[in-house]
């Protein structure tokens, strides 16, 4: 992921959820950033997809980078 794409994604998250914390993630020297998601306090992804159908159920925890 390029810096411009990461910034645009983080700006969208900020506009939607406010100035939330970056709470976790994994980056290594041989695996570039490929996903930026928002998780709730149960660790469930709620943005950009809500695969478990839990969006709005729990408080937002933060942004996860991987």
C-alpha atoms as a PDB file:
ATOM      1  CA  UNK A   1       0.000   0.000   0.000  1.00  0.00           C
ATOM      2  CA  UNK A   2       1.318   3.428  -0.889  1.00  0.00           C
ATOM      3  CA  UNK A   3       1.464   6.268   1.647  1.00  0.00           C
ATOM      4  CA  UNK A   4      -1.218   8.211  -0.240  1.00  0.00           C
ATOM      5  CA  UNK A   5      -3.642   5.270  -0.050  1.00  0.00           C
ATOM      6  CA  UNK A   6      -2.965   4.760   3.675  1.00  0.00           C
ATOM      7  CA  UNK A   7      -3.525   8.458   4.373  1.00  0.00           C
ATOM      8  CA  UNK A   8      -6.769   8.493   2.367  1.00  0.00           C
ATOM      9  CA  UNK A   9      -8.037   5.393   4.188  1.00  0.00           C
ATOM     10  CA  UNK A  10      -7.124   6.806   7.604  1.00  0.00           C
ATOM     11  CA  UNK A  11      -8.817  10.114   6.708  1.00  0.00           C
ATOM     12  CA  UNK A  12     -12.007   8.236   5.776  1.00  0.00           C
ATOM     13  CA  UNK A  13     -11.854   6.377   9.099  1.00  0.00           C
ATOM     14  CA  UNK A  14     -11.307   9.657  10.978  1.00  0.00           C
ATOM     15  CA  UNK A  15     -14.271  11.272   9.199  1.00  0.00           C
ATOM     16  CA  UNK A  16     -16.483   8.275  10.056  1.00  0.00           C
ATOM     17  CA  UNK A  17     -15.351   7.318  13.576  1.00  0.00           C
ATOM     18  CA  UNK A  18     -13.501  10.387  14.862  1.00  0.00           C
ATOM     19  CA  UNK A  19      -9.907  10.556  16.000  1.00  0.00           C
ATOM     20  CA  UNK A  20      -9.647   6.970  17.282  1.00  0.00           C
ATOM     21  CA  UNK A  21      -6.441   5.232  18.311  1.00  0.00           C
ATOM     22  CA  UNK A  22      -4.332   2.855  16.268  1.00  0.00           C
ATOM     23  CA  UNK A  23      -4.606  -0.128  18.584  1.00  0.00           C
ATOM     24  CA  UNK A  24      -2.644  -2.843  16.851  1.00  0.00           C
ATOM     25  CA  UNK A  25      -1.277  -4.452  13.786  1.00  0.00           C
ATOM     26  CA  UNK A  26       1.566  -6.331  12.224  1.00  0.00           C
ATOM     27  CA  UNK A  27       4.202  -5.049   9.833  1.00  0.00           C
ATOM     28  CA  UNK A  28       7.353  -6.871   8.805  1.00  0.00           C
ATOM     29  CA  UNK A  29      10.184  -6.015   6.463  1.00  0.00           C
ATOM     30  CA  UNK A  30       9.018  -8.517   3.841  1.00  0.00           C
ATOM     31  CA  UNK A  31       5.250  -8.012   4.105  1.00  0.00           C
ATOM     32  CA  UNK A  32       3.963  -4.523   3.282  1.00  0.00           C
ATOM     33  CA  UNK A  33       0.877  -2.858   4.734  1.00  0.00           C
ATOM     34  CA  UNK A  34      -2.127  -4.251   2.895  1.00  0.00           C
ATOM     35  CA  UNK A  35      -5.163  -3.778   5.168  1.00  0.00           C
ATOM     36  CA  UNK A  36      -6.451  -1.052   7.440  1.00  0.00           C
ATOM     37  CA  UNK A  37      -9.540  -2.005   9.431  1.00  0.00           C
ATOM     38  CA  UNK A  38     -11.589  -0.694  12.351  1.00  0.00           C
ATOM     39  CA  UNK A  39     -12.292  -3.106  15.195  1.00  0.00           C
ATOM     40  CA  UNK A  40     -14.643  -3.043  18.160  1.00  0.00           C
ATOM     41  CA  UNK A  41     -13.787  -3.871  21.778  1.00  0.00           C
ATOM     42  CA  UNK A  42     -14.461  -7.557  21.100  1.00  0.00           C
ATOM     43  CA  UNK A  43     -11.797  -7.538  18.366  1.00  0.00           C
ATOM     44  CA  UNK A  44     -14.345  -7.885  15.571  1.00  0.00           C
ATOM     45  CA  UNK A  45     -13.846  -6.033  12.306  1.00  0.00           C
ATOM     46  CA  UNK A  46     -16.592  -3.464  11.731  1.00  0.00           C
ATOM     47  CA  UNK A  47     -15.085  -1.457   8.856  1.00  0.00           C
ATOM     48  CA  UNK A  48     -14.622  -1.592   5.861  1.00  0.00           C
ATOM     49  CA  UNK A  49     -16.491  -4.887   6.044  1.00  0.00           C
ATOM     50  CA  UNK A  50     -18.627  -6.250   8.832  1.00  0.00           C
ATOM     51  CA  UNK A  51     -18.227 -10.015   8.230  1.00  0.00           C
ATOM     52  CA  UNK A  52     -19.803 -10.946  11.575  1.00  0.00           C
ATOM     53  CA  UNK A  53     -22.719  -8.498  11.413  1.00  0.00           C
ATOM     54  CA  UNK A  54     -21.723  -6.760  14.663  1.00  0.00           C
ATOM     55  CA  UNK A  55     -21.304  -3.129  13.554  1.00  0.00           C
ATOM     56  CA  UNK A  56     -23.004  -0.860  16.067  1.00  0.00           C
ATOM     57  CA  UNK A  57     -23.266  -3.592  18.703  1.00  0.00           C
ATOM     58  CA  UNK A  58     -20.063  -2.843  20.627  1.00  0.00           C
ATOM     59  CA  UNK A  59     -17.972   0.245  21.285  1.00  0.00           C
ATOM     60  CA  UNK A  60     -15.280   0.978  18.683  1.00  0.00           C
ATOM     61  CA  UNK A  61     -11.795   0.069  19.889  1.00  0.00           C
ATOM     62  CA  UNK A  62      -9.535   1.424  17.167  1.00  0.00           C
ATOM     63  CA  UNK A  63      -7.671   0.922  13.931  1.00  0.00           C
ATOM     64  CA  UNK A  64      -5.778  -2.275  13.130  1.00  0.00           C
ATOM     65  CA  UNK A  65      -3.004  -2.285  10.521  1.00  0.00           C
ATOM     66  CA  UNK A  66      -1.723  -5.384   8.781  1.00  0.00           C
END
